N, C-alpha and C. Protein backbone atom coordinates (compact mmCIF):
# COMPACT_ATOMS: atom_id res chain seq x y z
N MET A 1 25.22 7.87 -101.70
CA MET A 1 24.30 8.60 -100.99
C MET A 1 23.58 7.88 -99.87
N ARG A 2 23.33 6.61 -100.13
CA ARG A 2 22.75 5.76 -99.08
C ARG A 2 23.67 5.65 -97.88
N LEU A 3 24.94 5.56 -98.13
CA LEU A 3 25.96 5.42 -97.13
C LEU A 3 25.98 6.65 -96.18
N LEU A 4 25.86 7.83 -96.84
CA LEU A 4 25.87 9.10 -96.09
C LEU A 4 24.65 9.21 -95.26
N VAL A 5 23.43 8.88 -95.73
CA VAL A 5 22.24 8.91 -94.93
C VAL A 5 22.27 7.91 -93.81
N LEU A 6 22.83 6.73 -94.02
CA LEU A 6 22.96 5.69 -93.06
C LEU A 6 23.92 6.16 -91.88
N CYS A 7 25.04 6.81 -92.27
CA CYS A 7 25.98 7.28 -91.28
C CYS A 7 25.38 8.41 -90.45
N VAL A 8 24.66 9.32 -91.10
CA VAL A 8 24.05 10.45 -90.37
C VAL A 8 23.02 9.89 -89.44
N TRP A 9 22.23 8.98 -89.91
CA TRP A 9 21.19 8.33 -89.01
C TRP A 9 21.79 7.70 -87.86
N ALA A 10 22.84 6.81 -88.04
CA ALA A 10 23.52 6.16 -86.95
C ALA A 10 24.14 7.11 -86.02
N PHE A 11 24.69 8.26 -86.49
CA PHE A 11 25.36 9.16 -85.60
C PHE A 11 24.26 9.88 -84.83
N GLY A 12 23.12 10.25 -85.35
CA GLY A 12 22.07 10.90 -84.65
C GLY A 12 21.50 9.97 -83.56
N VAL A 13 21.21 8.72 -83.85
CA VAL A 13 20.76 7.84 -82.81
C VAL A 13 21.80 7.67 -81.73
N GLY A 14 23.12 7.57 -82.05
CA GLY A 14 24.10 7.42 -81.02
C GLY A 14 24.17 8.65 -80.13
N ILE A 15 24.01 9.79 -80.68
CA ILE A 15 24.01 11.05 -79.84
C ILE A 15 22.80 10.99 -78.87
N ILE A 16 21.62 10.64 -79.37
CA ILE A 16 20.43 10.56 -78.53
C ILE A 16 20.59 9.51 -77.34
N VAL A 17 21.18 8.36 -77.67
CA VAL A 17 21.36 7.33 -76.69
C VAL A 17 22.47 7.78 -75.70
N LEU A 18 23.50 8.43 -76.08
CA LEU A 18 24.48 8.91 -75.24
C LEU A 18 23.99 10.02 -74.29
N ALA A 19 23.13 10.92 -74.85
CA ALA A 19 22.50 11.94 -74.03
C ALA A 19 21.65 11.28 -73.00
N GLY A 20 20.88 10.24 -73.32
CA GLY A 20 20.02 9.58 -72.29
C GLY A 20 20.79 8.92 -71.27
N LEU A 21 21.87 8.31 -71.60
CA LEU A 21 22.76 7.67 -70.66
C LEU A 21 23.35 8.64 -69.61
N LEU A 22 23.78 9.77 -70.17
CA LEU A 22 24.31 10.86 -69.38
C LEU A 22 23.29 11.43 -68.40
N LEU A 23 22.02 11.52 -68.79
CA LEU A 23 20.94 12.10 -67.91
C LEU A 23 20.70 11.06 -66.85
N ILE A 24 20.68 9.79 -67.21
CA ILE A 24 20.46 8.75 -66.18
C ILE A 24 21.61 8.70 -65.14
N ALA A 25 22.81 8.81 -65.62
CA ALA A 25 23.98 8.85 -64.72
C ALA A 25 23.93 10.07 -63.83
N GLN A 26 23.53 11.20 -64.39
CA GLN A 26 23.36 12.42 -63.49
C GLN A 26 22.40 12.21 -62.44
N GLU A 27 21.21 11.64 -62.74
CA GLU A 27 20.16 11.36 -61.73
C GLU A 27 20.65 10.45 -60.73
N ILE A 28 21.39 9.40 -61.05
CA ILE A 28 21.90 8.45 -60.12
C ILE A 28 22.88 9.08 -59.12
N PHE A 29 23.82 9.79 -59.65
CA PHE A 29 24.88 10.36 -58.80
C PHE A 29 24.48 11.60 -58.03
N SER A 30 23.29 12.17 -58.40
CA SER A 30 22.88 13.42 -57.71
C SER A 30 22.04 13.07 -56.52
N GLU A 31 21.67 11.84 -56.29
CA GLU A 31 20.90 11.38 -55.16
C GLU A 31 21.81 11.54 -53.86
N SER A 32 21.40 12.15 -52.92
CA SER A 32 22.13 12.37 -51.63
C SER A 32 21.70 11.20 -50.71
N THR A 33 22.69 10.60 -50.06
CA THR A 33 22.44 9.53 -49.14
C THR A 33 21.86 10.01 -47.89
N PHE A 34 22.17 11.29 -47.48
CA PHE A 34 21.77 11.87 -46.23
C PHE A 34 20.63 12.86 -46.45
N GLY A 35 20.05 13.00 -47.64
CA GLY A 35 19.04 13.95 -47.95
C GLY A 35 17.72 13.52 -47.42
N VAL A 36 16.75 14.46 -47.49
CA VAL A 36 15.39 14.26 -47.13
C VAL A 36 14.76 13.31 -48.09
N PRO A 37 13.94 12.40 -47.72
CA PRO A 37 13.30 11.49 -48.69
C PRO A 37 12.29 12.26 -49.54
N HIS A 38 12.11 11.82 -50.81
CA HIS A 38 11.26 12.56 -51.75
C HIS A 38 9.74 12.29 -51.40
N GLU A 39 9.51 11.19 -50.77
CA GLU A 39 8.06 10.84 -50.53
C GLU A 39 7.64 11.49 -49.26
N PRO A 40 6.54 12.21 -49.26
CA PRO A 40 6.10 12.92 -48.10
C PRO A 40 5.86 12.11 -46.81
N GLY A 41 5.48 10.86 -47.00
CA GLY A 41 5.16 9.99 -45.86
C GLY A 41 6.40 9.10 -45.40
N ALA A 42 7.54 9.23 -46.03
CA ALA A 42 8.64 8.52 -45.67
C ALA A 42 9.19 8.90 -44.38
N GLU A 43 9.71 7.90 -43.58
CA GLU A 43 10.26 8.18 -42.21
C GLU A 43 11.75 8.48 -42.41
N THR A 44 12.27 9.44 -41.61
CA THR A 44 13.71 9.76 -41.62
C THR A 44 14.38 9.10 -40.46
N GLY A 45 13.71 8.64 -39.50
CA GLY A 45 14.29 8.12 -38.27
C GLY A 45 14.57 9.13 -37.22
N ASP A 46 14.29 10.45 -37.51
CA ASP A 46 14.52 11.42 -36.43
C ASP A 46 13.44 11.42 -35.41
N GLY A 47 12.29 10.90 -35.76
CA GLY A 47 11.12 10.90 -34.77
C GLY A 47 11.47 10.04 -33.60
N TYR A 48 12.21 8.94 -33.78
CA TYR A 48 12.47 8.17 -32.63
C TYR A 48 13.46 8.83 -31.64
N VAL A 49 14.38 9.61 -32.16
CA VAL A 49 15.26 10.35 -31.21
C VAL A 49 14.50 11.47 -30.46
N GLU A 50 13.61 12.05 -31.18
CA GLU A 50 12.79 13.11 -30.55
C GLU A 50 11.88 12.55 -29.50
N ASP A 51 11.33 11.38 -29.78
CA ASP A 51 10.48 10.68 -28.76
C ASP A 51 11.21 10.32 -27.51
N GLU A 52 12.45 9.86 -27.72
CA GLU A 52 13.29 9.50 -26.49
C GLU A 52 13.69 10.77 -25.69
N ARG A 53 13.91 11.83 -26.37
CA ARG A 53 14.27 13.07 -25.69
C ARG A 53 13.15 13.57 -24.91
N SER A 54 12.01 13.57 -25.56
CA SER A 54 10.81 14.10 -24.85
C SER A 54 10.46 13.31 -23.70
N THR A 55 10.56 11.94 -23.70
CA THR A 55 10.18 11.07 -22.59
C THR A 55 11.26 11.28 -21.45
N SER A 56 12.54 11.36 -21.83
CA SER A 56 13.62 11.46 -20.81
C SER A 56 13.46 12.89 -20.17
N ALA A 57 13.15 13.86 -20.94
CA ALA A 57 13.05 15.25 -20.34
C ALA A 57 11.88 15.36 -19.41
N SER A 58 10.81 14.67 -19.76
CA SER A 58 9.63 14.81 -18.93
C SER A 58 9.74 13.94 -17.55
N SER A 59 10.56 12.87 -17.65
CA SER A 59 10.80 12.05 -16.49
C SER A 59 11.83 12.64 -15.59
N SER A 60 12.66 13.54 -16.03
CA SER A 60 13.68 14.15 -15.22
C SER A 60 13.26 15.41 -14.47
N THR A 61 12.08 15.91 -14.84
CA THR A 61 11.67 17.14 -14.17
C THR A 61 11.15 16.84 -12.87
N PRO A 62 11.53 17.60 -11.85
CA PRO A 62 11.09 17.34 -10.45
C PRO A 62 9.57 17.71 -10.22
N ILE A 63 8.98 16.91 -9.49
CA ILE A 63 7.57 17.21 -9.14
C ILE A 63 7.67 17.94 -7.81
N GLY A 64 7.12 19.13 -7.78
CA GLY A 64 7.42 19.92 -6.60
C GLY A 64 6.36 20.61 -6.06
């Protein structure tokens, strides 16, 4: 009887650990390298391109 309880307990703990590892693996592999950052204040690098475009566009307009 003790052996049966021990096997059921070990099997249950193993399933819980396996489910946890699968959830961690899913979170790791679901991260997109090109996605928007999760933090609202994080910089994406797009602001620098827009700044260059706005300064080059304003300098190329003729003064007339």
